[in-house]
């Protein structure tokens, strides 16, 4: 079975080829910009200059909690401060302390702080750390 030129013309007229060459750059440009932005954000936030986590705590009284922090810096000379808070069993904040972080000769170190509370606390957390 062969297809004649007349059949080819009839099929081409009935099923025309859709060509949208402008569609590729219109879709590719925003995707490329999004990829570059994502890579920049992930590289920037991959290693923050200063972080801290609660390594442990001890409730010493209804008005006091002792907290051990693990402080991690990107470089030993980084300084800043961290906001550490204590919570009661009903999740109310019962005390907080802005802990200054001084430069050190080590990137990772432990710090011990005492937070005064106005009622019994059951946990401690770090809300944020900001490098100077």
C-alpha atoms as a PDB file:
ATOM      1  CA  UNK A   1       0.000   0.000   0.000  1.00  0.00           C
ATOM      2  CA  UNK A   2       1.408   3.321  -1.039  1.00  0.00           C
ATOM      3  CA  UNK A   3       0.393   6.802  -0.075  1.00  0.00           C
ATOM      4  CA  UNK A   4      -0.060   9.237  -2.890  1.00  0.00           C
ATOM      5  CA  UNK A   5       0.838  12.905  -2.824  1.00  0.00           C
ATOM      6  CA  UNK A   6      -2.857  13.758  -2.746  1.00  0.00           C
ATOM      7  CA  UNK A   7      -3.310  11.592   0.375  1.00  0.00           C
ATOM      8  CA  UNK A   8      -0.324  13.253   2.025  1.00  0.00           C
ATOM      9  CA  UNK A   9      -1.760  16.722   1.365  1.00  0.00           C
ATOM     10  CA  UNK A  10      -5.173  15.676   2.665  1.00  0.00           C
ATOM     11  CA  UNK A  11      -3.662  14.191   5.861  1.00  0.00           C
ATOM     12  CA  UNK A  12      -1.455  17.270   6.382  1.00  0.00           C
ATOM     13  CA  UNK A  13      -4.468  19.566   5.991  1.00  0.00           C
ATOM     14  CA  UNK A  14      -6.518  17.491   8.404  1.00  0.00           C
ATOM     15  CA  UNK A  15      -3.787  17.048  11.058  1.00  0.00           C
ATOM     16  CA  UNK A  16      -1.555  20.104  10.915  1.00  0.00           C
ATOM     17  CA  UNK A  17       1.699  20.144  12.862  1.00  0.00           C
ATOM     18  CA  UNK A  18       1.602  22.409  15.898  1.00  0.00           C
ATOM     19  CA  UNK A  19       4.774  24.363  16.154  1.00  0.00           C
ATOM     20  CA  UNK A  20       5.438  26.581  19.141  1.00  0.00           C
ATOM     21  CA  UNK A  21       9.134  27.411  19.123  1.00  0.00           C
ATOM     22  CA  UNK A  22       8.577  30.379  21.462  1.00  0.00           C
ATOM     23  CA  UNK A  23       7.213  28.086  24.200  1.00  0.00           C
ATOM     24  CA  UNK A  24      10.568  26.492  25.089  1.00  0.00           C
ATOM     25  CA  UNK A  25      12.359  29.742  26.075  1.00  0.00           C
ATOM     26  CA  UNK A  26       9.251  31.062  27.830  1.00  0.00           C
ATOM     27  CA  UNK A  27       9.171  27.989  30.082  1.00  0.00           C
ATOM     28  CA  UNK A  28      12.937  27.486  30.345  1.00  0.00           C
ATOM     29  CA  UNK A  29      13.797  31.044  31.472  1.00  0.00           C
ATOM     30  CA  UNK A  30      11.707  31.043  34.685  1.00  0.00           C
ATOM     31  CA  UNK A  31      12.785  27.467  35.474  1.00  0.00           C
ATOM     32  CA  UNK A  32      16.439  28.430  35.073  1.00  0.00           C
ATOM     33  CA  UNK A  33      15.951  31.509  37.278  1.00  0.00           C
ATOM     34  CA  UNK A  34      14.212  29.375  39.904  1.00  0.00           C
ATOM     35  CA  UNK A  35      17.034  26.821  39.815  1.00  0.00           C
ATOM     36  CA  UNK A  36      19.701  29.524  40.253  1.00  0.00           C
ATOM     37  CA  UNK A  37      17.718  31.086  43.132  1.00  0.00           C
ATOM     38  CA  UNK A  38      17.279  27.684  44.811  1.00  0.00           C
ATOM     39  CA  UNK A  39      21.002  26.928  44.537  1.00  0.00           C
ATOM     40  CA  UNK A  40      21.907  30.340  45.963  1.00  0.00           C
ATOM     41  CA  UNK A  41      19.493  29.993  48.899  1.00  0.00           C
ATOM     42  CA  UNK A  42      20.587  26.442  49.699  1.00  0.00           C
ATOM     43  CA  UNK A  43      24.273  27.395  49.599  1.00  0.00           C
ATOM     44  CA  UNK A  44      23.715  30.500  51.737  1.00  0.00           C
ATOM     45  CA  UNK A  45      21.666  28.717  54.410  1.00  0.00           C
ATOM     46  CA  UNK A  46      23.590  25.445  54.361  1.00  0.00           C
ATOM     47  CA  UNK A  47      26.030  26.646  57.004  1.00  0.00           C
ATOM     48  CA  UNK A  48      24.693  29.496  59.169  1.00  0.00           C
ATOM     49  CA  UNK A  49      27.375  31.466  61.022  1.00  0.00           C
ATOM     50  CA  UNK A  50      25.993  30.661  64.489  1.00  0.00           C
ATOM     51  CA  UNK A  51      23.680  27.947  65.821  1.00  0.00           C
ATOM     52  CA  UNK A  52      22.930  26.523  69.240  1.00  0.00           C
ATOM     53  CA  UNK A  53      20.992  23.535  70.544  1.00  0.00           C
ATOM     54  CA  UNK A  54      19.964  22.488  74.024  1.00  0.00           C
ATOM     55  CA  UNK A  55      22.178  19.575  75.054  1.00  0.00           C
ATOM     56  CA  UNK A  56      20.491  19.185  78.421  1.00  0.00           C
ATOM     57  CA  UNK A  57      18.806  20.987  81.287  1.00  0.00           C
ATOM     58  CA  UNK A  58      18.197  20.598  84.977  1.00  0.00           C
ATOM     59  CA  UNK A  59      15.263  22.123  86.825  1.00  0.00           C
ATOM     60  CA  UNK A  60      16.829  23.206  90.109  1.00  0.00           C
ATOM     61  CA  UNK A  61      13.800  24.935  91.635  1.00  0.00           C
ATOM     62  CA  UNK A  62      10.451  26.524  90.783  1.00  0.00           C
ATOM     63  CA  UNK A  63      12.332  29.728  89.886  1.00  0.00           C
ATOM     64  CA  UNK A  64      15.411  28.398  88.096  1.00  0.00           C
ATOM     65  CA  UNK A  65      16.537  26.069  85.327  1.00  0.00           C
ATOM     66  CA  UNK A  66      20.138  25.318  84.320  1.00  0.00           C
ATOM     67  CA  UNK A  67      20.623  24.790  80.591  1.00  0.00           C
ATOM     68  CA  UNK A  68      23.576  23.289  78.726  1.00  0.00           C
ATOM     69  CA  UNK A  69      23.960  24.614  75.165  1.00  0.00           C
ATOM     70  CA  UNK A  70      25.982  23.224  72.279  1.00  0.00           C
ATOM     71  CA  UNK A  71      27.169  26.282  70.350  1.00  0.00           C
ATOM     72  CA  UNK A  72      28.336  25.755  66.770  1.00  0.00           C
ATOM     73  CA  UNK A  73      30.042  28.481  64.722  1.00  0.00           C
ATOM     74  CA  UNK A  74      31.108  28.497  61.085  1.00  0.00           C
ATOM     75  CA  UNK A  75      34.380  30.129  62.194  1.00  0.00           C
ATOM     76  CA  UNK A  76      35.810  30.377  65.728  1.00  0.00           C
ATOM     77  CA  UNK A  77      35.893  34.190  65.675  1.00  0.00           C
ATOM     78  CA  UNK A  78      32.115  34.514  65.106  1.00  0.00           C
ATOM     79  CA  UNK A  79      30.277  36.370  67.886  1.00  0.00           C
ATOM     80  CA  UNK A  80      26.575  36.945  68.466  1.00  0.00           C
ATOM     81  CA  UNK A  81      23.741  36.066  70.799  1.00  0.00           C
ATOM     82  CA  UNK A  82      21.091  33.376  71.222  1.00  0.00           C
ATOM     83  CA  UNK A  83      17.650  33.597  72.806  1.00  0.00           C
ATOM     84  CA  UNK A  84      17.086  30.678  75.191  1.00  0.00           C
ATOM     85  CA  UNK A  85      13.710  30.217  76.878  1.00  0.00           C
ATOM     86  CA  UNK A  86      12.066  27.968  79.457  1.00  0.00           C
ATOM     87  CA  UNK A  87       8.525  26.606  79.213  1.00  0.00           C
ATOM     88  CA  UNK A  88       5.999  25.412  81.763  1.00  0.00           C
ATOM     89  CA  UNK A  89       3.966  22.202  81.333  1.00  0.00           C
ATOM     90  CA  UNK A  90       1.189  24.204  79.625  1.00  0.00           C
ATOM     91  CA  UNK A  91       3.759  25.567  77.078  1.00  0.00           C
ATOM     92  CA  UNK A  92       3.729  29.063  78.567  1.00  0.00           C
ATOM     93  CA  UNK A  93       7.076  30.821  78.468  1.00  0.00           C
ATOM     94  CA  UNK A  94       8.124  31.264  82.043  1.00  0.00           C
ATOM     95  CA  UNK A  95      11.581  32.713  81.474  1.00  0.00           C
ATOM     96  CA  UNK A  96      14.016  33.676  78.772  1.00  0.00           C
ATOM     97  CA  UNK A  97      17.601  34.812  78.524  1.00  0.00           C
ATOM     98  CA  UNK A  98      19.584  36.491  75.771  1.00  0.00           C
ATOM     99  CA  UNK A  99      22.910  34.649  75.891  1.00  0.00           C
ATOM    100  CA  UNK A 100      25.920  36.505  74.451  1.00  0.00           C
ATOM    101  CA  UNK A 101      28.250  34.285  72.438  1.00  0.00           C
ATOM    102  CA  UNK A 102      31.867  35.443  72.543  1.00  0.00           C
ATOM    103  CA  UNK A 103      34.604  34.503  70.104  1.00  0.00           C
ATOM    104  CA  UNK A 104      36.449  31.322  70.964  1.00  0.00           C
ATOM    105  CA  UNK A 105      39.368  29.268  69.765  1.00  0.00           C
ATOM    106  CA  UNK A 106      36.978  26.387  68.957  1.00  0.00           C
ATOM    107  CA  UNK A 107      34.136  26.165  66.452  1.00  0.00           C
ATOM    108  CA  UNK A 108      32.014  23.939  68.723  1.00  0.00           C
ATOM    109  CA  UNK A 109      31.734  24.359  72.479  1.00  0.00           C
ATOM    110  CA  UNK A 110      29.353  23.831  75.376  1.00  0.00           C
ATOM    111  CA  UNK A 111      27.979  26.680  77.456  1.00  0.00           C
ATOM    112  CA  UNK A 112      26.096  26.510  80.745  1.00  0.00           C
ATOM    113  CA  UNK A 113      23.478  29.178  81.514  1.00  0.00           C
ATOM    114  CA  UNK A 114      20.921  29.654  84.272  1.00  0.00           C
ATOM    115  CA  UNK A 115      17.479  31.030  83.466  1.00  0.00           C
ATOM    116  CA  UNK A 116      15.354  32.602  86.197  1.00  0.00           C
ATOM    117  CA  UNK A 117      11.674  31.664  85.889  1.00  0.00           C
ATOM    118  CA  UNK A 118       8.506  32.965  87.530  1.00  0.00           C
ATOM    119  CA  UNK A 119       7.070  29.447  87.927  1.00  0.00           C
ATOM    120  CA  UNK A 120       8.089  25.824  87.471  1.00  0.00           C
ATOM    121  CA  UNK A 121       9.545  25.069  84.050  1.00  0.00           C
ATOM    122  CA  UNK A 122       9.745  21.657  82.428  1.00  0.00           C
ATOM    123  CA  UNK A 123      11.811  22.298  79.317  1.00  0.00           C
ATOM    124  CA  UNK A 124      14.211  24.706  77.662  1.00  0.00           C
ATOM    125  CA  UNK A 125      14.732  25.595  73.997  1.00  0.00           C
ATOM    126  CA  UNK A 126      16.735  27.903  71.767  1.00  0.00           C
ATOM    127  CA  UNK A 127      14.564  30.211  69.715  1.00  0.00           C
ATOM    128  CA  UNK A 128      17.159  31.847  67.472  1.00  0.00           C
ATOM    129  CA  UNK A 129      20.807  32.740  67.224  1.00  0.00           C
ATOM    130  CA  UNK A 130      22.061  35.867  65.499  1.00  0.00           C
ATOM    131  CA  UNK A 131      25.672  36.474  64.505  1.00  0.00           C
ATOM    132  CA  UNK A 132      27.083  39.989  64.910  1.00  0.00           C
END
